[in-house]
């Protein structure tokens, strides 16, 4: 069966001009590099509104996280018990994520201070 459309002409000539996409990409790369340079040169001043004391040990931090996750788990299940349909399913999914995080934190605590 004969081919209906002809092959495009072969060109071995490399244009010295970059395509608009390449020029745009290079421009974005330069902007990104400039942004990163500005970001790294600017001193970081953390917000003191919700600051965690840097002297608190890891075990204490993980203990607080474990308690927060346990509270979030109870709250989520309490709300899920009052809901039906897709809202309930979403809340149960969130509860499961919270429980997995709580299990992970508790496992980390066990490794820091194994029981007896």
C-alpha atoms as a PDB file:
ATOM      1  CA  UNK A   1       0.000   0.000   0.000  1.00  0.00           C
ATOM      2  CA  UNK A   2       1.509   3.376  -0.959  1.00  0.00           C
ATOM      3  CA  UNK A   3       2.278   5.915   1.741  1.00  0.00           C
ATOM      4  CA  UNK A   4       0.025   8.957   1.538  1.00  0.00           C
ATOM      5  CA  UNK A   5       2.181  11.507   3.359  1.00  0.00           C
ATOM      6  CA  UNK A   6       5.763  12.133   2.315  1.00  0.00           C
ATOM      7  CA  UNK A   7       8.678  11.897   4.737  1.00  0.00           C
ATOM      8  CA  UNK A   8       9.869  15.237   6.095  1.00  0.00           C
ATOM      9  CA  UNK A   9      13.038  16.502   4.510  1.00  0.00           C
ATOM     10  CA  UNK A  10      16.211  15.426   6.254  1.00  0.00           C
ATOM     11  CA  UNK A  11      18.213  18.335   7.541  1.00  0.00           C
ATOM     12  CA  UNK A  12      21.675  17.931   8.931  1.00  0.00           C
ATOM     13  CA  UNK A  13      22.061  21.648   9.413  1.00  0.00           C
ATOM     14  CA  UNK A  14      22.114  22.535  13.079  1.00  0.00           C
ATOM     15  CA  UNK A  15      20.600  25.918  13.606  1.00  0.00           C
ATOM     16  CA  UNK A  16      22.664  28.307  15.668  1.00  0.00           C
ATOM     17  CA  UNK A  17      19.450  29.638  17.123  1.00  0.00           C
ATOM     18  CA  UNK A  18      17.814  27.773  19.992  1.00  0.00           C
ATOM     19  CA  UNK A  19      14.137  26.977  19.822  1.00  0.00           C
ATOM     20  CA  UNK A  20      11.772  29.159  21.847  1.00  0.00           C
ATOM     21  CA  UNK A  21      11.211  26.262  24.259  1.00  0.00           C
ATOM     22  CA  UNK A  22      14.945  25.888  24.851  1.00  0.00           C
ATOM     23  CA  UNK A  23      15.405  29.632  25.312  1.00  0.00           C
ATOM     24  CA  UNK A  24      12.483  29.718  27.743  1.00  0.00           C
ATOM     25  CA  UNK A  25      13.861  26.701  29.618  1.00  0.00           C
ATOM     26  CA  UNK A  26      17.312  28.290  29.903  1.00  0.00           C
ATOM     27  CA  UNK A  27      15.725  31.534  31.109  1.00  0.00           C
ATOM     28  CA  UNK A  28      13.751  29.650  33.783  1.00  0.00           C
ATOM     29  CA  UNK A  29      16.884  27.762  34.872  1.00  0.00           C
ATOM     30  CA  UNK A  30      18.732  31.076  35.282  1.00  0.00           C
ATOM     31  CA  UNK A  31      15.834  32.540  37.281  1.00  0.00           C
ATOM     32  CA  UNK A  32      15.707  29.438  39.454  1.00  0.00           C
ATOM     33  CA  UNK A  33      19.456  29.604  40.118  1.00  0.00           C
ATOM     34  CA  UNK A  34      19.173  33.300  41.004  1.00  0.00           C
ATOM     35  CA  UNK A  35      16.262  32.555  43.355  1.00  0.00           C
ATOM     36  CA  UNK A  36      18.238  29.792  45.084  1.00  0.00           C
ATOM     37  CA  UNK A  37      21.261  32.074  45.457  1.00  0.00           C
ATOM     38  CA  UNK A  38      19.065  34.787  47.015  1.00  0.00           C
ATOM     39  CA  UNK A  39      17.404  32.250  49.304  1.00  0.00           C
ATOM     40  CA  UNK A  40      20.714  30.840  50.515  1.00  0.00           C
ATOM     41  CA  UNK A  41      22.256  34.261  51.085  1.00  0.00           C
ATOM     42  CA  UNK A  42      19.294  35.516  53.134  1.00  0.00           C
ATOM     43  CA  UNK A  43      19.691  34.614  56.800  1.00  0.00           C
ATOM     44  CA  UNK A  44      16.922  32.360  58.077  1.00  0.00           C
ATOM     45  CA  UNK A  45      14.911  33.858  60.893  1.00  0.00           C
ATOM     46  CA  UNK A  46      12.483  31.253  62.214  1.00  0.00           C
ATOM     47  CA  UNK A  47       9.067  32.349  63.347  1.00  0.00           C
ATOM     48  CA  UNK A  48       8.975  32.475  67.133  1.00  0.00           C
ATOM     49  CA  UNK A  49       5.220  32.078  67.329  1.00  0.00           C
ATOM     50  CA  UNK A  50       5.362  28.269  67.350  1.00  0.00           C
ATOM     51  CA  UNK A  51       8.945  27.544  68.280  1.00  0.00           C
ATOM     52  CA  UNK A  52      10.170  24.291  69.781  1.00  0.00           C
ATOM     53  CA  UNK A  53      12.885  24.609  72.351  1.00  0.00           C
ATOM     54  CA  UNK A  54      16.065  23.328  70.643  1.00  0.00           C
ATOM     55  CA  UNK A  55      17.304  21.940  73.978  1.00  0.00           C
ATOM     56  CA  UNK A  56      14.450  19.400  74.275  1.00  0.00           C
ATOM     57  CA  UNK A  57      15.652  15.835  73.773  1.00  0.00           C
ATOM     58  CA  UNK A  58      14.311  13.563  71.035  1.00  0.00           C
ATOM     59  CA  UNK A  59      12.549  11.223  73.451  1.00  0.00           C
ATOM     60  CA  UNK A  60      10.512  14.068  74.931  1.00  0.00           C
ATOM     61  CA  UNK A  61       9.605  15.380  71.482  1.00  0.00           C
ATOM     62  CA  UNK A  62       8.503  11.927  70.320  1.00  0.00           C
ATOM     63  CA  UNK A  63       6.469  11.507  73.502  1.00  0.00           C
ATOM     64  CA  UNK A  64       4.620  14.768  72.804  1.00  0.00           C
ATOM     65  CA  UNK A  65       4.039  13.754  69.191  1.00  0.00           C
ATOM     66  CA  UNK A  66       2.681  10.379  70.332  1.00  0.00           C
ATOM     67  CA  UNK A  67       0.219  12.081  72.694  1.00  0.00           C
ATOM     68  CA  UNK A  68      -0.854  14.555  69.997  1.00  0.00           C
ATOM     69  CA  UNK A  69      -1.436  11.761  67.501  1.00  0.00           C
ATOM     70  CA  UNK A  70      -3.433   9.789  70.074  1.00  0.00           C
ATOM     71  CA  UNK A  71      -5.631  12.853  70.672  1.00  0.00           C
ATOM     72  CA  UNK A  72      -6.093  13.412  66.932  1.00  0.00           C
ATOM     73  CA  UNK A  73      -7.016   9.745  66.553  1.00  0.00           C
ATOM     74  CA  UNK A  74      -9.737   9.975  69.217  1.00  0.00           C
ATOM     75  CA  UNK A  75     -11.102  13.236  67.790  1.00  0.00           C
ATOM     76  CA  UNK A  76     -11.206  11.832  64.252  1.00  0.00           C
ATOM     77  CA  UNK A  77     -13.016   8.667  65.340  1.00  0.00           C
ATOM     78  CA  UNK A  78     -15.488  10.699  67.397  1.00  0.00           C
ATOM     79  CA  UNK A  79     -16.368  12.818  64.354  1.00  0.00           C
ATOM     80  CA  UNK A  80     -16.420   9.766  62.046  1.00  0.00           C
ATOM     81  CA  UNK A  81     -18.972   8.085  64.328  1.00  0.00           C
ATOM     82  CA  UNK A  82     -21.381  10.978  63.674  1.00  0.00           C
ATOM     83  CA  UNK A  83     -20.919  10.947  59.894  1.00  0.00           C
ATOM     84  CA  UNK A  84     -22.211   8.702  57.115  1.00  0.00           C
ATOM     85  CA  UNK A  85     -21.215   7.997  53.542  1.00  0.00           C
ATOM     86  CA  UNK A  86     -18.138   9.511  51.861  1.00  0.00           C
ATOM     87  CA  UNK A  87     -17.438  11.899  54.747  1.00  0.00           C
ATOM     88  CA  UNK A  88     -17.208   8.972  57.168  1.00  0.00           C
ATOM     89  CA  UNK A  89     -14.944   7.066  54.789  1.00  0.00           C
ATOM     90  CA  UNK A  90     -12.634  10.071  54.452  1.00  0.00           C
ATOM     91  CA  UNK A  91     -12.430  10.485  58.220  1.00  0.00           C
ATOM     92  CA  UNK A  92     -11.711   6.772  58.671  1.00  0.00           C
ATOM     93  CA  UNK A  93      -8.902   7.103  56.111  1.00  0.00           C
ATOM     94  CA  UNK A  94      -7.458  10.070  57.998  1.00  0.00           C
ATOM     95  CA  UNK A  95      -7.755   8.083  61.235  1.00  0.00           C
ATOM     96  CA  UNK A  96      -5.796   5.243  59.690  1.00  0.00           C
ATOM     97  CA  UNK A  97      -2.998   7.599  58.613  1.00  0.00           C
ATOM     98  CA  UNK A  98      -2.871   9.061  62.129  1.00  0.00           C
ATOM     99  CA  UNK A  99      -2.703   5.573  63.631  1.00  0.00           C
ATOM    100  CA  UNK A 100       0.162   4.570  61.326  1.00  0.00           C
ATOM    101  CA  UNK A 101       2.067   7.700  62.330  1.00  0.00           C
ATOM    102  CA  UNK A 102       1.381   6.977  66.006  1.00  0.00           C
ATOM    103  CA  UNK A 103       2.644   3.401  65.639  1.00  0.00           C
ATOM    104  CA  UNK A 104       5.813   4.676  63.938  1.00  0.00           C
ATOM    105  CA  UNK A 105       6.480   7.243  66.669  1.00  0.00           C
ATOM    106  CA  UNK A 106       5.885   4.650  69.389  1.00  0.00           C
ATOM    107  CA  UNK A 107       8.282   2.265  67.630  1.00  0.00           C
ATOM    108  CA  UNK A 108      10.922   5.020  67.581  1.00  0.00           C
ATOM    109  CA  UNK A 109      10.352   5.595  71.300  1.00  0.00           C
ATOM    110  CA  UNK A 110      10.767   1.868  71.943  1.00  0.00           C
ATOM    111  CA  UNK A 111      14.105   1.929  70.140  1.00  0.00           C
ATOM    112  CA  UNK A 112      15.296   4.921  72.168  1.00  0.00           C
ATOM    113  CA  UNK A 113      14.279   3.447  75.508  1.00  0.00           C
ATOM    114  CA  UNK A 114      13.634  -0.300  75.244  1.00  0.00           C
ATOM    115  CA  UNK A 115      11.594  -1.875  78.018  1.00  0.00           C
ATOM    116  CA  UNK A 116      13.615  -3.772  80.480  1.00  0.00           C
END
